[in-house]
Amino acid sequence: MKFQRIIPLNLLCIAAIGVASSVAAQTPQTSADARQEMSAQQKDPLAIQGSGPEEWNAVKGHEKGYVAKADALPNSWLAMNFTKCDADQNGKITEAEYTKCQKQ
C-alpha cells in the first residue's frame, strides 16, 4: 500500500520540476546579459559596415545618385552621421554632401 502512494508523489515531483525548468527557460535576460549580447553584435564583422566613412561607390544605394537613411547599414559610420551629413535635411545624402561630410 505504501508503494502505491510513493509512485504518484514521485510523478507529482517530476511534473513540478518539469514545469519549473520550462518557466526558467522563458525568463527574460538580465540587463548584463543583454549588454553582453549587444556588445557581441557590435563586434560582429558582418554587422558593421566600417568604423569610418567608405568610398562613395562602396556605400549601399549610391547608384541612385543619393543615399537614403534606410540605405545606411546599422552600426555604420553613415548611420551614425546621417543627420550631420544631410546638409539640406531632405532625407537624402548626395555624393557632394557625403564627400563634404567625410572631410569634416
PDB file of N, CA and C in Angstrom:
ATOM      1  N   MET A   1       0.810  -1.178   0.000  1.00  0.00           N
ATOM      2  CA  MET A   1       0.000   0.000   0.000  1.00  0.00           C
ATOM      3  C   MET A   1       0.866   1.261   0.000  1.00  0.00           C
ATOM      4  N   LYS A   2       1.943   1.268   0.788  1.00  0.00           N
ATOM      5  CA  LYS A   2       2.832   2.418   0.830  1.00  0.00           C
ATOM      6  C   LYS A   2       3.486   2.635  -0.524  1.00  0.00           C
ATOM      7  N   PHE A   3       3.806   1.572  -1.225  1.00  0.00           N
ATOM      8  CA  PHE A   3       4.452   1.665  -2.534  1.00  0.00           C
ATOM      9  C   PHE A   3       3.571   2.403  -3.538  1.00  0.00           C
ATOM     10  N   GLN A   4       2.283   2.194  -3.509  1.00  0.00           N
ATOM     11  CA  GLN A   4       1.360   2.842  -4.426  1.00  0.00           C
ATOM     12  C   GLN A   4       1.275   4.351  -4.163  1.00  0.00           C
ATOM     13  N   ARG A   5       1.427   4.814  -2.951  1.00  0.00           N
ATOM     14  CA  ARG A   5       1.381   6.240  -2.626  1.00  0.00           C
ATOM     15  C   ARG A   5       2.673   6.945  -3.052  1.00  0.00           C
ATOM     16  N   ILE A   6       3.776   6.249  -3.015  1.00  0.00           N
ATOM     17  CA  ILE A   6       5.072   6.844  -3.369  1.00  0.00           C
ATOM     18  C   ILE A   6       5.125   7.147  -4.860  1.00  0.00           C
ATOM     19  N   ILE A   7       4.624   6.295  -5.693  1.00  0.00           N
ATOM     20  CA  ILE A   7       4.678   6.499  -7.140  1.00  0.00           C
ATOM     21  C   ILE A   7       3.949   7.770  -7.553  1.00  0.00           C
ATOM     22  N   PRO A   8       2.714   8.008  -7.158  1.00  0.00           N
ATOM     23  CA  PRO A   8       2.061   9.251  -7.550  1.00  0.00           C
ATOM     24  C   PRO A   8       2.799  10.488  -7.012  1.00  0.00           C
ATOM     25  N   LEU A   9       3.353  10.409  -5.802  1.00  0.00           N
ATOM     26  CA  LEU A   9       4.099  11.525  -5.239  1.00  0.00           C
ATOM     27  C   LEU A   9       5.348  11.799  -6.071  1.00  0.00           C
ATOM     28  N   ASN A  10       6.021  10.731  -6.502  1.00  0.00           N
ATOM     29  CA  ASN A  10       7.208  10.901  -7.347  1.00  0.00           C
ATOM     30  C   ASN A  10       6.822  11.521  -8.690  1.00  0.00           C
ATOM     31  N   LEU A  11       5.725  11.079  -9.260  1.00  0.00           N
ATOM     32  CA  LEU A  11       5.274  11.648 -10.531  1.00  0.00           C
ATOM     33  C   LEU A  11       4.920  13.119 -10.376  1.00  0.00           C
ATOM     34  N   LEU A  12       4.318  13.456  -9.248  1.00  0.00           N
ATOM     35  CA  LEU A  12       3.991  14.850  -8.984  1.00  0.00           C
ATOM     36  C   LEU A  12       5.258  15.694  -8.876  1.00  0.00           C
ATOM     37  N   CYS A  13       6.267  15.190  -8.204  1.00  0.00           N
ATOM     38  CA  CYS A  13       7.545  15.909  -8.066  1.00  0.00           C
ATOM     39  C   CYS A  13       8.218  16.085  -9.425  1.00  0.00           C
ATOM     40  N   ILE A  14       8.208  15.065 -10.238  1.00  0.00           N
ATOM     41  CA  ILE A  14       8.817  15.137 -11.567  1.00  0.00           C
ATOM     42  C   ILE A  14       8.088  16.172 -12.424  1.00  0.00           C
ATOM     43  N   ALA A  15       6.768  16.172 -12.359  1.00  0.00           N
ATOM     44  CA  ALA A  15       5.988  17.150 -13.123  1.00  0.00           C
ATOM     45  C   ALA A  15       6.294  18.565 -12.649  1.00  0.00           C
ATOM     46  N   ALA A  16       6.417  18.764 -11.353  1.00  0.00           N
ATOM     47  CA  ALA A  16       6.716  20.097 -10.810  1.00  0.00           C
ATOM     48  C   ALA A  16       8.095  20.567 -11.262  1.00  0.00           C
ATOM     49  N   ILE A  17       9.056  19.678 -11.275  1.00  0.00           N
ATOM     50  CA  ILE A  17      10.408  20.035 -11.743  1.00  0.00           C
ATOM     51  C   ILE A  17      10.375  20.401 -13.220  1.00  0.00           C
ATOM     52  N   GLY A  18       9.613  19.669 -14.007  1.00  0.00           N
ATOM     53  CA  GLY A  18       9.492  19.961 -15.434  1.00  0.00           C
ATOM     54  C   GLY A  18       8.890  21.327 -15.685  1.00  0.00           C
ATOM     55  N   VAL A  19       7.848  21.674 -14.945  1.00  0.00           N
ATOM     56  CA  VAL A  19       7.210  22.985 -15.089  1.00  0.00           C
ATOM     57  C   VAL A  19       8.175  24.088 -14.666  1.00  0.00           C
ATOM     58  N   ALA A  20       8.872  23.888 -13.576  1.00  0.00           N
ATOM     59  CA  ALA A  20       9.814  24.900 -13.086  1.00  0.00           C
ATOM     60  C   ALA A  20      10.942  25.134 -14.086  1.00  0.00           C
ATOM     61  N   SER A  21      11.433  24.071 -14.692  1.00  0.00           N
ATOM     62  CA  SER A  21      12.528  24.247 -15.651  1.00  0.00           C
ATOM     63  C   SER A  21      12.049  24.934 -16.925  1.00  0.00           C
ATOM     64  N   SER A  22      10.818  24.700 -17.349  1.00  0.00           N
ATOM     65  CA  SER A  22      10.328  25.385 -18.550  1.00  0.00           C
ATOM     66  C   SER A  22      10.082  26.865 -18.271  1.00  0.00           C
ATOM     67  N   VAL A  23       9.678  27.216 -17.066  1.00  0.00           N
ATOM     68  CA  VAL A  23       9.494  28.618 -16.692  1.00  0.00           C
ATOM     69  C   VAL A  23      10.859  29.307 -16.641  1.00  0.00           C
ATOM     70  N   ALA A  24      11.861  28.635 -16.102  1.00  0.00           N
ATOM     71  CA  ALA A  24      13.204  29.216 -16.029  1.00  0.00           C
ATOM     72  C   ALA A  24      13.770  29.448 -17.412  1.00  0.00           C
ATOM     73  N   ALA A  25      13.457  28.589 -18.352  1.00  0.00           N
ATOM     74  CA  ALA A  25      13.958  28.756 -19.717  1.00  0.00           C
ATOM     75  C   ALA A  25      13.336  29.961 -20.394  1.00  0.00           C
ATOM     76  N   GLN A  26      12.175  30.400 -19.958  1.00  0.00           N
ATOM     77  CA  GLN A  26      11.483  31.527 -20.565  1.00  0.00           C
ATOM     78  C   GLN A  26      11.733  32.839 -19.830  1.00  0.00           C
ATOM     79  N   THR A  27      12.530  32.804 -18.770  1.00  0.00           N
ATOM     80  CA  THR A  27      12.810  34.013 -18.003  1.00  0.00           C
ATOM     81  C   THR A  27      13.600  34.987 -18.857  1.00  0.00           C
ATOM     82  N   PRO A  28      13.229  36.269 -18.874  1.00  0.00           N
ATOM     83  CA  PRO A  28      13.955  37.250 -19.674  1.00  0.00           C
ATOM     84  C   PRO A  28      15.396  37.396 -19.213  1.00  0.00           C
ATOM     85  N   GLN A  29      16.235  37.864 -20.121  1.00  0.00           N
ATOM     86  CA  GLN A  29      17.632  38.070 -19.807  1.00  0.00           C
ATOM     87  C   GLN A  29      17.784  39.171 -18.769  1.00  0.00           C
ATOM     88  N   THR A  30      18.892  39.111 -18.060  1.00  0.00           N
ATOM     89  CA  THR A  30      19.209  40.223 -17.179  1.00  0.00           C
ATOM     90  C   THR A  30      19.791  41.334 -18.034  1.00  0.00           C
ATOM     91  N   SER A  31      19.867  42.519 -17.491  1.00  0.00           N
ATOM     92  CA  SER A  31      20.402  43.636 -18.269  1.00  0.00           C
ATOM     93  C   SER A  31      21.877  43.401 -18.613  1.00  0.00           C
ATOM     94  N   ALA A  32      22.606  42.721 -17.743  1.00  0.00           N
ATOM     95  CA  ALA A  32      24.012  42.419 -18.026  1.00  0.00           C
ATOM     96  C   ALA A  32      24.121  41.470 -19.217  1.00  0.00           C
ATOM     97  N   ASP A  33      23.226  40.481 -19.282  1.00  0.00           N
ATOM     98  CA  ASP A  33      23.229  39.551 -20.416  1.00  0.00           C
ATOM     99  C   ASP A  33      22.892  40.282 -21.709  1.00  0.00           C
ATOM    100  N   ALA A  34      21.929  41.185 -21.641  1.00  0.00           N
ATOM    101  CA  ALA A  34      21.530  41.937 -22.829  1.00  0.00           C
ATOM    102  C   ALA A  34      22.668  42.827 -23.314  1.00  0.00           C
ATOM    103  N   ARG A  35      23.371  43.498 -22.376  1.00  0.00           N
ATOM    104  CA  ARG A  35      24.519  44.341 -22.759  1.00  0.00           C
ATOM    105  C   ARG A  35      25.619  43.507 -23.386  1.00  0.00           C
ATOM    106  N   GLN A  36      25.872  42.331 -22.832  1.00  0.00           N
ATOM    107  CA  GLN A  36      26.914  41.454 -23.372  1.00  0.00           C
ATOM    108  C   GLN A  36      26.542  41.001 -24.782  1.00  0.00           C
ATOM    109  N   GLU A  37      25.274  40.688 -25.007  1.00  0.00           N
ATOM    110  CA  GLU A  37      24.824  40.273 -26.335  1.00  0.00           C
ATOM    111  C   GLU A  37      24.947  41.420 -27.336  1.00  0.00           C
ATOM    112  N   MET A  38      24.583  42.630 -26.919  1.00  0.00           N
ATOM    113  CA  MET A  38      24.707  43.790 -27.803  1.00  0.00           C
ATOM    114  C   MET A  38      26.169  44.060 -28.138  1.00  0.00           C
ATOM    115  N   SER A  39      27.042  43.902 -27.158  1.00  0.00           N
ATOM    116  CA  SER A  39      28.471  44.112 -27.386  1.00  0.00           C
ATOM    117  C   SER A  39      29.006  43.102 -28.396  1.00  0.00           C
ATOM    118  N   ALA A  40      28.553  41.870 -28.293  1.00  0.00           N
ATOM    119  CA  ALA A  40      28.979  40.839 -29.244  1.00  0.00           C
ATOM    120  C   ALA A  40      28.479  41.152 -30.643  1.00  0.00           C
ATOM    121  N   GLN A  41      27.253  41.670 -30.755  1.00  0.00           N
ATOM    122  CA  GLN A  41      26.712  42.025 -32.065  1.00  0.00           C
ATOM    123  C   GLN A  41      27.476  43.180 -32.686  1.00  0.00           C
ATOM    124  N   GLN A  42      27.913  44.131 -31.864  1.00  0.00           N
ATOM    125  CA  GLN A  42      28.655  45.271 -32.378  1.00  0.00           C
ATOM    126  C   GLN A  42      30.029  44.853 -32.884  1.00  0.00           C
ATOM    127  N   LYS A  43      30.584  43.782 -32.335  1.00  0.00           N
ATOM    128  CA  LYS A  43      31.890  43.301 -32.759  1.00  0.00           C
ATOM    129  C   LYS A  43      31.808  42.344 -33.939  1.00  0.00           C
ATOM    130  N   ASP A  44      30.597  41.954 -34.313  1.00  0.00           N
ATOM    131  CA  ASP A  44      30.399  41.032 -35.434  1.00  0.00           C
ATOM    132  C   ASP A  44      30.788  41.745 -36.726  1.00  0.00           C
ATOM    133  N   PRO A  45      31.805  41.245 -37.443  1.00  0.00           N
ATOM    134  CA  PRO A  45      32.254  41.928 -38.660  1.00  0.00           C
ATOM    135  C   PRO A  45      31.184  41.974 -39.748  1.00  0.00           C
ATOM    136  N   LEU A  46      30.225  41.091 -39.707  1.00  0.00           N
ATOM    137  CA  LEU A  46      29.162  41.106 -40.707  1.00  0.00           C
ATOM    138  C   LEU A  46      28.099  42.150 -40.381  1.00  0.00           C
ATOM    139  N   ALA A  47      28.061  42.628 -39.144  1.00  0.00           N
ATOM    140  CA  ALA A  47      27.059  43.608 -38.738  1.00  0.00           C
ATOM    141  C   ALA A  47      27.584  45.035 -38.832  1.00  0.00           C
ATOM    142  N   ILE A  48      28.863  45.184 -39.069  1.00  0.00           N
ATOM    143  CA  ILE A  48      29.454  46.512 -39.103  1.00  0.00           C
ATOM    144  C   ILE A  48      29.939  46.827 -40.508  1.00  0.00           C
ATOM    145  N   GLN A  49      29.498  47.964 -41.042  1.00  0.00           N
ATOM    146  CA  GLN A  49      29.947  48.366 -42.369  1.00  0.00           C
ATOM    147  C   GLN A  49      31.372  48.872 -42.289  1.00  0.00           C
ATOM    148  N   GLY A  50      31.701  49.597 -41.283  1.00  0.00           N
ATOM    149  CA  GLY A  50      33.039  50.130 -41.106  1.00  0.00           C
ATOM    150  C   GLY A  50      33.033  51.172 -40.014  1.00  0.00           C
ATOM    151  N   SER A  51      34.200  51.437 -39.460  1.00  0.00           N
ATOM    152  CA  SER A  51      34.270  52.401 -38.377  1.00  0.00           C
ATOM    153  C   SER A  51      34.434  53.818 -38.899  1.00  0.00           C
ATOM    154  N   GLY A  52      34.814  53.960 -40.160  1.00  0.00           N
ATOM    155  CA  GLY A  52      34.971  55.269 -40.764  1.00  0.00           C
ATOM    156  C   GLY A  52      34.191  55.325 -42.060  1.00  0.00           C
ATOM    157  N   PRO A  53      34.158  56.495 -42.675  1.00  0.00           N
ATOM    158  CA  PRO A  53      33.423  56.610 -43.932  1.00  0.00           C
ATOM    159  C   PRO A  53      34.066  55.783 -45.039  1.00  0.00           C
ATOM    160  N   GLU A  54      33.238  55.228 -45.877  1.00  0.00           N
ATOM    161  CA  GLU A  54      33.719  54.446 -47.012  1.00  0.00           C
ATOM    162  C   GLU A  54      33.710  55.314 -48.256  1.00  0.00           C
ATOM    163  N   GLU A  55      34.297  54.804 -49.298  1.00  0.00           N
ATOM    164  CA  GLU A  55      34.239  55.496 -50.582  1.00  0.00           C
ATOM    165  C   GLU A  55      32.780  55.537 -51.041  1.00  0.00           C
ATOM    166  N   TRP A  56      32.401  56.597 -51.724  1.00  0.00           N
ATOM    167  CA  TRP A  56      31.019  56.775 -52.189  1.00  0.00           C
ATOM    168  C   TRP A  56      30.532  55.559 -52.968  1.00  0.00           C
ATOM    169  N   ASN A  57      31.363  55.011 -53.850  1.00  0.00           N
ATOM    170  CA  ASN A  57      30.950  53.873 -54.683  1.00  0.00           C
ATOM    171  C   ASN A  57      30.732  52.592 -53.888  1.00  0.00           C
ATOM    172  N   ALA A  58      31.200  52.546 -52.655  1.00  0.00           N
ATOM    173  CA  ALA A  58      31.023  51.356 -51.819  1.00  0.00           C
ATOM    174  C   ALA A  58      29.792  51.459 -50.916  1.00  0.00           C
ATOM    175  N   VAL A  59      29.183  52.636 -50.869  1.00  0.00           N
ATOM    176  CA  VAL A  59      28.027  52.843 -49.993  1.00  0.00           C
ATOM    177  C   VAL A  59      26.773  52.272 -50.654  1.00  0.00           C
ATOM    178  N   LYS A  60      26.026  51.486 -49.895  1.00  0.00           N
ATOM    179  CA  LYS A  60      24.800  50.876 -50.409  1.00  0.00           C
ATOM    180  C   LYS A  60      23.815  51.964 -50.835  1.00  0.00           C
ATOM    181  N   GLY A  61      23.285  51.867 -52.044  1.00  0.00           N
ATOM    182  CA  GLY A  61      22.275  52.792 -52.541  1.00  0.00           C
ATOM    183  C   GLY A  61      22.828  53.946 -53.354  1.00  0.00           C
ATOM    184  N   HIS A  62      24.143  54.068 -53.448  1.00  0.00           N
ATOM    185  CA  HIS A  62      24.753  55.213 -54.139  1.00  0.00           C
ATOM    186  C   HIS A  62      24.389  55.279 -55.622  1.00  0.00           C
ATOM    187  N   GLU A  63      24.053  54.142 -56.202  1.00  0.00           N
ATOM    188  CA  GLU A  63      23.767  54.094 -57.642  1.00  0.00           C
ATOM    189  C   GLU A  63      22.541  54.933 -58.032  1.00  0.00           C
ATOM    190  N   LYS A  64      21.719  55.313 -57.057  1.00  0.00           N
ATOM    191  CA  LYS A  64      20.555  56.176 -57.322  1.00  0.00           C
ATOM    192  C   LYS A  64      20.960  57.642 -57.427  1.00  0.00           C
ATOM    193  N   GLY A  65      22.198  57.936 -57.029  1.00  0.00           N
ATOM    194  CA  GLY A  65      22.651  59.321 -57.014  1.00  0.00           C
ATOM    195  C   GLY A  65      22.528  59.947 -55.636  1.00  0.00           C
ATOM    196  N   TYR A  66      21.946  59.224 -54.714  1.00  0.00           N
ATOM    197  CA  TYR A  66      21.822  59.675 -53.327  1.00  0.00           C
ATOM    198  C   TYR A  66      21.704  58.437 -52.443  1.00  0.00           C
ATOM    199  N   VAL A  67      21.867  58.651 -51.165  1.00  0.00           N
ATOM    200  CA  VAL A  67      21.719  57.574 -50.191  1.00  0.00           C
ATOM    201  C   VAL A  67      20.640  57.997 -49.212  1.00  0.00           C
ATOM    202  N   ALA A  68      19.642  57.160 -49.042  1.00  0.00           N
ATOM    203  CA  ALA A  68      18.578  57.419 -48.064  1.00  0.00           C
ATOM    204  C   ALA A  68      18.993  56.830 -46.715  1.00  0.00           C
ATOM    205  N   LYS A  69      18.361  57.285 -45.667  1.00  0.00           N
ATOM    206  CA  LYS A  69      18.688  56.779 -44.326  1.00  0.00           C
ATOM    207  C   LYS A  69      18.487  55.268 -44.245  1.00  0.00           C
ATOM    208  N   ALA A  70      17.496  54.741 -44.938  1.00  0.00           N
ATOM    209  CA  ALA A  70      17.235  53.294 -44.931  1.00  0.00           C
ATOM    210  C   ALA A  70      18.385  52.517 -45.570  1.00  0.00           C
ATOM    211  N   ASP A  71      19.177  53.183 -46.429  1.00  0.00           N
ATOM    212  CA  ASP A  71      20.310  52.519 -47.065  1.00  0.00           C
ATOM    213  C   ASP A  71      21.498  52.376 -46.122  1.00  0.00           C
ATOM    214  N   ALA A  72      21.578  53.229 -45.124  1.00  0.00           N
ATOM    215  CA  ALA A  72      22.714  53.211 -44.197  1.00  0.00           C
ATOM    216  C   ALA A  72      22.622  51.960 -43.321  1.00  0.00           C
ATOM    217  N   LEU A  73      23.651  51.152 -43.361  1.00  0.00           N
ATOM    218  CA  LEU A  73      23.662  49.922 -42.583  1.00  0.00           C
ATOM    219  C   LEU A  73      23.755  50.232 -41.089  1.00  0.00           C
ATOM    220  N   PRO A  74      23.071  49.456 -40.264  1.00  0.00           N
ATOM    221  CA  PRO A  74      23.161  49.658 -38.814  1.00  0.00           C
ATOM    222  C   PRO A  74      24.614  49.585 -38.355  1.00  0.00           C
ATOM    223  N   ASN A  75      24.966  50.355 -37.370  1.00  0.00           N
ATOM    224  CA  ASN A  75      26.311  50.410 -36.790  1.00  0.00           C
ATOM    225  C   ASN A  75      27.366  50.962 -37.744  1.00  0.00           C
ATOM    226  N   SER A  76      26.964  51.530 -38.858  1.00  0.00           N
ATOM    227  CA  SER A  76      27.941  52.067 -39.802  1.00  0.00           C
ATOM    228  C   SER A  76      28.218  53.541 -39.496  1.00  0.00           C
ATOM    229  N   TRP A  77      29.310  54.041 -40.043  1.00  0.00           N
ATOM    230  CA  TRP A  77      29.656  55.449 -39.887  1.00  0.00           C
ATOM    231  C   TRP A  77      28.534  56.317 -40.449  1.00  0.00           C
ATOM    232  N   LEU A  78      28.005  55.942 -41.599  1.00  0.00           N
ATOM    233  CA  LEU A  78      26.962  56.728 -42.245  1.00  0.00           C
ATOM    234  C   LEU A  78      25.691  56.778 -41.390  1.00  0.00           C
ATOM    235  N   ALA A  79      25.302  55.666 -40.811  1.00  0.00           N
ATOM    236  CA  ALA A  79      24.102  55.644 -39.965  1.00  0.00           C
ATOM    237  C   ALA A  79      24.262  56.579 -38.769  1.00  0.00           C
ATOM    238  N   MET A  80      25.455  56.605 -38.189  1.00  0.00           N
ATOM    239  CA  MET A  80      25.694  57.452 -37.025  1.00  0.00           C
ATOM    240  C   MET A  80      25.821  58.931 -37.390  1.00  0.00           C
ATOM    241  N   ASN A  81      26.168  59.235 -38.637  1.00  0.00           N
ATOM    242  CA  ASN A  81      26.403  60.616 -39.056  1.00  0.00           C
ATOM    243  C   ASN A  81      25.401  61.107 -40.096  1.00  0.00           C
ATOM    244  N   PHE A  82      24.323  60.365 -40.305  1.00  0.00           N
ATOM    245  CA  PHE A  82      23.405  60.682 -41.388  1.00  0.00           C
ATOM    246  C   PHE A  82      22.842  62.103 -41.259  1.00  0.00           C
ATOM    247  N   THR A  83      22.337  62.456 -40.103  1.00  0.00           N
ATOM    248  CA  THR A  83      21.723  63.772 -39.917  1.00  0.00           C
ATOM    249  C   THR A  83      22.737  64.887 -40.150  1.00  0.00           C
ATOM    250  N   LYS A  84      23.955  64.690 -39.662  1.00  0.00           N
ATOM    251  CA  LYS A  84      25.008  65.683 -39.843  1.00  0.00           C
ATOM    252  C   LYS A  84      25.377  65.831 -41.319  1.00  0.00           C
ATOM    253  N   CYS A  85      25.403  64.736 -42.062  1.00  0.00           N
ATOM    254  CA  CYS A  85      25.795  64.759 -43.470  1.00  0.00           C
ATOM    255  C   CYS A  85      24.687  65.280 -44.385  1.00  0.00           C
ATOM    256  N   ASP A  86      23.447  65.133 -43.979  1.00  0.00           N
ATOM    257  CA  ASP A  86      22.321  65.583 -44.800  1.00  0.00           C
ATOM    258  C   ASP A  86      22.162  67.097 -44.633  1.00  0.00           C
ATOM    259  N   ALA A  87      23.009  67.859 -45.328  1.00  0.00           N
ATOM    260  CA  ALA A  87      23.093  69.312 -45.148  1.00  0.00           C
ATOM    261  C   ALA A  87      21.771  70.018 -45.421  1.00  0.00           C
ATOM    262  N   ASP A  88      21.035  69.614 -46.441  1.00  0.00           N
ATOM    263  CA  ASP A  88      19.772  70.284 -46.757  1.00  0.00           C
ATOM    264  C   ASP A  88      18.562  69.649 -46.062  1.00  0.00           C
ATOM    265  N   GLN A  89      18.818  68.652 -45.221  1.00  0.00           N
ATOM    266  CA  GLN A  89      17.783  67.992 -44.413  1.00  0.00           C
ATOM    267  C   GLN A  89      16.601  67.482 -45.237  1.00  0.00           C
ATOM    268  N   ASN A  90      16.892  66.899 -46.417  1.00  0.00           N
ATOM    269  CA  ASN A  90      15.822  66.367 -47.260  1.00  0.00           C
ATOM    270  C   ASN A  90      15.685  64.846 -47.135  1.00  0.00           C
ATOM    271  N   GLY A  91      16.447  64.243 -46.230  1.00  0.00           N
ATOM    272  CA  GLY A  91      16.374  62.803 -46.024  1.00  0.00           C
ATOM    273  C   GLY A  91      17.218  62.006 -47.004  1.00  0.00           C
ATOM    274  N   LYS A  92      18.021  62.711 -47.811  1.00  0.00           N
ATOM    275  CA  LYS A  92      18.885  62.056 -48.797  1.00  0.00           C
ATOM    276  C   LYS A  92      20.269  62.700 -48.736  1.00  0.00           C
ATOM    277  N   ILE A  93      21.281  61.880 -48.907  1.00  0.00           N
ATOM    278  CA  ILE A  93      22.647  62.394 -48.953  1.00  0.00           C
ATOM    279  C   ILE A  93      23.179  62.187 -50.361  1.00  0.00           C
ATOM    280  N   THR A  94      23.555  63.286 -50.994  1.00  0.00           N
ATOM    281  CA  THR A  94      24.140  63.215 -52.334  1.00  0.00           C
ATOM    282  C   THR A  94      25.631  62.947 -52.198  1.00  0.00           C
ATOM    283  N   GLU A  95      26.280  62.677 -53.315  1.00  0.00           N
ATOM    284  CA  GLU A  95      27.722  62.434 -53.291  1.00  0.00           C
ATOM    285  C   GLU A  95      28.463  63.669 -52.784  1.00  0.00           C
ATOM    286  N   ALA A  96      28.023  64.851 -53.199  1.00  0.00           N
ATOM    287  CA  ALA A  96      28.679  66.088 -52.748  1.00  0.00           C
ATOM    288  C   ALA A  96      28.539  66.256 -51.229  1.00  0.00           C
ATOM    289  N   GLU A  97      27.345  66.003 -50.702  1.00  0.00           N
ATOM    290  CA  GLU A  97      27.132  66.101 -49.252  1.00  0.00           C
ATOM    291  C   GLU A  97      27.996  65.078 -48.521  1.00  0.00           C
ATOM    292  N   TYR A  98      28.055  63.881 -49.055  1.00  0.00           N
ATOM    293  CA  TYR A  98      28.827  62.801 -48.441  1.00  0.00           C
ATOM    294  C   TYR A  98      30.309  63.148 -48.416  1.00  0.00           C
ATOM    295  N   THR A  99      30.825  63.633 -49.538  1.00  0.00           N
ATOM    296  CA  THR A  99      32.240  63.968 -49.638  1.00  0.00           C
ATOM    297  C   THR A  99      32.585  65.088 -48.661  1.00  0.00           C
ATOM    298  N   LYS A 100      31.741  66.126 -48.585  1.00  0.00           N
ATOM    299  CA  LYS A 100      31.973  67.229 -47.669  1.00  0.00           C
ATOM    300  C   LYS A 100      31.937  66.752 -46.213  1.00  0.00           C
ATOM    301  N   CYS A 101      30.997  65.898 -45.905  1.00  0.00           N
ATOM    302  CA  CYS A 101      30.837  65.386 -44.544  1.00  0.00           C
ATOM    303  C   CYS A 101      32.017  64.482 -44.152  1.00  0.00           C
ATOM    304  N   GLN A 102      32.517  63.746 -45.105  1.00  0.00           N
ATOM    305  CA  GLN A 102      33.657  62.850 -44.869  1.00  0.00           C
ATOM    306  C   GLN A 102      34.882  63.646 -44.408  1.00  0.00           C
ATOM    307  N   LYS A 103      35.055  64.818 -44.972  1.00  0.00           N
ATOM    308  CA  LYS A 103      36.250  65.622 -44.701  1.00  0.00           C
ATOM    309  C   LYS A 103      36.174  66.352 -43.359  1.00  0.00           C
ATOM    310  N   GLN A 104      34.997  66.470 -42.780  1.00  0.00           N
ATOM    311  CA  GLN A 104      34.843  67.204 -41.506  1.00  0.00           C
ATOM    312  C   GLN A 104      35.351  66.410 -40.343  1.00  0.00           C
TER     313      GLN A 104
END
